[in-house]
N, C-alpha and C. Protein backbone atom coordinates (compact mmCIF):
# COMPACT_ATOMS: atom_id res chain seq x y z
N MET A 1 115.65 -117.71 38.91
CA MET A 1 116.77 -117.51 39.18
C MET A 1 116.95 -119.48 38.32
N ALA A 2 118.59 -118.96 37.78
CA ALA A 2 119.30 -120.02 36.26
C ALA A 2 118.95 -121.30 37.35
N LYS A 3 119.12 -122.24 36.44
CA LYS A 3 119.82 -124.03 36.77
C LYS A 3 120.73 -123.95 36.47
N ASN A 4 121.58 -124.90 37.12
CA ASN A 4 123.21 -125.09 36.64
C ASN A 4 122.69 -125.62 35.43
N PHE A 5 123.65 -125.75 34.12
CA PHE A 5 124.62 -126.36 32.92
C PHE A 5 124.56 -126.99 33.13
N GLU A 6 124.25 -128.37 32.64
CA GLU A 6 124.40 -130.36 33.05
C GLU A 6 124.58 -130.41 31.40
N SER A 7 126.00 -131.08 31.24
CA SER A 7 125.99 -130.77 29.81
C SER A 7 125.36 -133.05 29.31
N GLU A 8 125.52 -133.30 27.44
CA GLU A 8 124.71 -133.31 27.76
C GLU A 8 125.19 -134.91 28.16
N ILE A 9 126.27 -135.12 28.18
CA ILE A 9 127.77 -135.87 28.12
C ILE A 9 127.12 -136.53 29.52
N THR A 10 127.01 -135.65 30.71
CA THR A 10 127.32 -135.66 32.08
C THR A 10 125.53 -136.49 32.19
N GLN A 11 124.58 -135.34 32.13
CA GLN A 11 122.79 -136.18 31.23
C GLN A 11 123.24 -137.71 31.25
N PHE A 12 123.76 -137.80 30.15
CA PHE A 12 123.52 -139.50 29.44
C PHE A 12 124.35 -140.29 30.26
N LEU A 13 125.69 -139.72 31.32
CA LEU A 13 126.45 -140.36 31.88
C LEU A 13 125.41 -141.49 32.80
N LYS A 14 125.07 -140.27 33.97
CA LYS A 14 124.22 -140.36 35.23
C LYS A 14 122.58 -140.93 34.59
N LYS A 15 122.00 -141.01 33.48
CA LYS A 15 121.04 -141.45 32.77
C LYS A 15 121.61 -143.57 32.78
N TYR A 16 122.59 -143.53 32.43
CA TYR A 16 123.19 -144.62 31.70
C TYR A 16 123.55 -145.88 33.63
N LYS A 17 124.29 -145.05 34.15
CA LYS A 17 124.73 -145.72 35.73
C LYS A 17 122.88 -145.56 36.54
N ALA A 18 122.35 -145.02 36.18
CA ALA A 18 120.75 -145.12 36.60
C ALA A 18 120.45 -146.11 36.18
N GLU A 19 120.12 -146.83 34.86
CA GLU A 19 119.89 -147.59 34.30
C GLU A 19 120.60 -149.03 34.32
N HIS A 20 121.60 -148.59 34.84
CA HIS A 20 122.80 -149.68 35.01
C HIS A 20 123.09 -149.76 36.06
N PRO A 21 122.68 -150.29 37.08
CA PRO A 21 123.94 -149.73 38.36
C PRO A 21 124.41 -150.26 38.88
N ASP A 22 124.76 -151.21 38.50
CA ASP A 22 126.57 -152.37 38.15
C ASP A 22 127.84 -151.87 38.02
N THR A 23 127.32 -151.13 37.17
CA THR A 23 128.51 -150.33 35.80
C THR A 23 130.22 -150.26 36.96
N GLU A 24 129.74 -149.15 38.33
CA GLU A 24 130.96 -148.66 38.62
C GLU A 24 131.39 -150.71 39.40
N ALA A 25 131.40 -151.30 39.91
CA ALA A 25 131.92 -152.34 40.39
C ALA A 25 132.15 -153.14 39.57
N ARG A 26 131.80 -153.63 38.38
CA ARG A 26 132.64 -153.48 36.94
C ARG A 26 133.77 -153.29 36.66
N GLN A 27 133.76 -151.58 36.75
CA GLN A 27 134.74 -150.86 36.30
C GLN A 27 136.19 -151.22 36.99
N ARG A 28 135.12 -151.24 38.01
CA ARG A 28 136.77 -151.84 39.82
C ARG A 28 137.20 -152.22 39.42
N GLU A 29 136.21 -154.29 39.02
CA GLU A 29 136.91 -155.21 38.10
C GLU A 29 137.79 -155.52 37.38
N GLY A 30 137.37 -154.48 36.37
CA GLY A 30 138.26 -154.65 35.03
C GLY A 30 139.50 -153.62 35.95
N ARG A 31 139.53 -153.16 36.52
CA ARG A 31 140.79 -152.49 36.78
C ARG A 31 141.50 -153.60 37.80
N GLY A 32 141.09 -154.24 38.67
CA GLY A 32 142.04 -155.26 39.15
C GLY A 32 142.50 -155.95 38.66
N ARG A 33 141.46 -156.45 37.34
CA ARG A 33 142.09 -157.86 36.48
C ARG A 33 143.24 -157.26 35.59
N LEU A 34 142.84 -155.37 35.13
CA LEU A 34 144.52 -155.33 34.27
C LEU A 34 145.51 -154.13 35.69
N TRP A 35 145.72 -153.32 36.24
CA TRP A 35 146.34 -152.62 36.38
C TRP A 35 146.57 -152.99 37.86
N ASP A 36 145.93 -153.08 38.93
CA ASP A 36 146.23 -153.11 40.90
C ASP A 36 147.13 -154.87 40.58
N LYS A 37 147.96 -154.88 40.81
CA LYS A 37 148.51 -156.71 40.63
C LYS A 37 150.02 -156.01 41.28
N GLN A 38 150.20 -156.79 41.92
CA GLN A 38 151.03 -157.41 42.48
C GLN A 38 152.59 -157.37 42.12
N ILE A 39 153.63 -156.73 41.76
CA ILE A 39 154.88 -156.87 41.92
C ILE A 39 155.97 -157.30 41.91
N ASP A 40 156.52 -158.18 41.28
CA ASP A 40 157.09 -159.64 42.06
C ASP A 40 158.22 -158.96 42.25
N PRO A 41 159.72 -157.94 43.29
CA PRO A 41 160.80 -157.63 43.41
C PRO A 41 161.84 -158.08 42.38
N GLU A 42 161.67 -159.64 42.71
CA GLU A 42 162.88 -160.50 42.05
C GLU A 42 163.57 -160.09 40.27
N LEU A 43 161.88 -160.39 39.78
CA LEU A 43 162.19 -160.20 38.62
C LEU A 43 161.99 -159.03 37.92
N GLN A 44 161.46 -158.06 39.35
CA GLN A 44 161.92 -155.96 38.13
C GLN A 44 163.48 -156.22 38.42
N ASP A 45 163.68 -156.45 39.33
CA ASP A 45 165.68 -156.15 39.24
C ASP A 45 166.70 -157.10 38.02
N GLY A 46 166.10 -158.31 37.31
CA GLY A 46 166.06 -159.34 36.11
C GLY A 46 165.92 -158.35 34.99
N TYR A 47 164.42 -157.29 34.98
CA TYR A 47 164.09 -157.27 34.09
C TYR A 47 165.09 -156.30 33.51
N ARG A 48 165.28 -155.24 34.79
CA ARG A 48 166.24 -154.40 35.24
C ARG A 48 167.72 -154.69 34.20
N ALA A 49 168.58 -155.98 35.25
CA ALA A 49 169.59 -156.15 34.67
C ALA A 49 169.72 -156.42 33.51
N GLY A 50 168.42 -156.84 31.95
CA GLY A 50 168.52 -157.38 31.37
C GLY A 50 168.36 -156.06 30.22
N ARG A 51 168.24 -155.06 30.70
CA ARG A 51 168.35 -153.68 29.81
C ARG A 51 169.30 -153.86 28.90
N VAL A 52 169.07 -153.01 27.63
CA VAL A 52 170.69 -152.93 26.90
C VAL A 52 170.23 -151.40 26.78
N PRO A 53 171.45 -150.38 26.84
CA PRO A 53 170.98 -149.13 26.62
C PRO A 53 171.01 -148.71 24.98
N GLN A 54 170.39 -147.82 25.18
CA GLN A 54 169.79 -147.60 23.65
C GLN A 54 170.65 -146.74 23.07
N LYS A 55 170.81 -146.70 21.80
CA LYS A 55 171.75 -145.44 20.82
C LYS A 55 170.57 -144.51 20.69
N PRO A 56 171.91 -143.24 20.87
CA PRO A 56 170.91 -141.87 20.85
C PRO A 56 170.38 -142.06 18.95
N TYR A 57 170.60 -142.62 17.93
CA TYR A 57 169.26 -142.54 17.25
C TYR A 57 169.20 -144.04 17.14
N VAL A 58 168.23 -144.17 17.45
CA VAL A 58 167.48 -145.81 16.74
C VAL A 58 167.00 -147.00 15.43
N TYR A 59 167.60 -145.62 14.79
CA TYR A 59 166.83 -146.25 13.81
C TYR A 59 168.42 -146.14 12.87
N GLN A 60 169.58 -145.91 13.83
CA GLN A 60 170.88 -145.67 12.65
C GLN A 60 171.07 -147.38 12.93
N THR A 61 171.84 -148.00 11.75
CA THR A 61 172.41 -148.43 11.53
C THR A 61 173.21 -149.55 12.15
N ASN A 62 174.44 -148.50 12.19
CA ASN A 62 175.74 -149.19 12.68
C ASN A 62 176.53 -148.02 13.72
């Protein structure tokens, strides 16, 4: 019976995670630091109100 194929990348990742068990926790911490933020609705409204409409051709000078 044939074994299931496992790519070199998958093998590397499995080996790396076995040698560094804190990898997933550090990934979650990094995601929380960069992406999982609370958004202030008042600031968002101010950003939307301050938007300037973009011209069809942005590089045109007149």
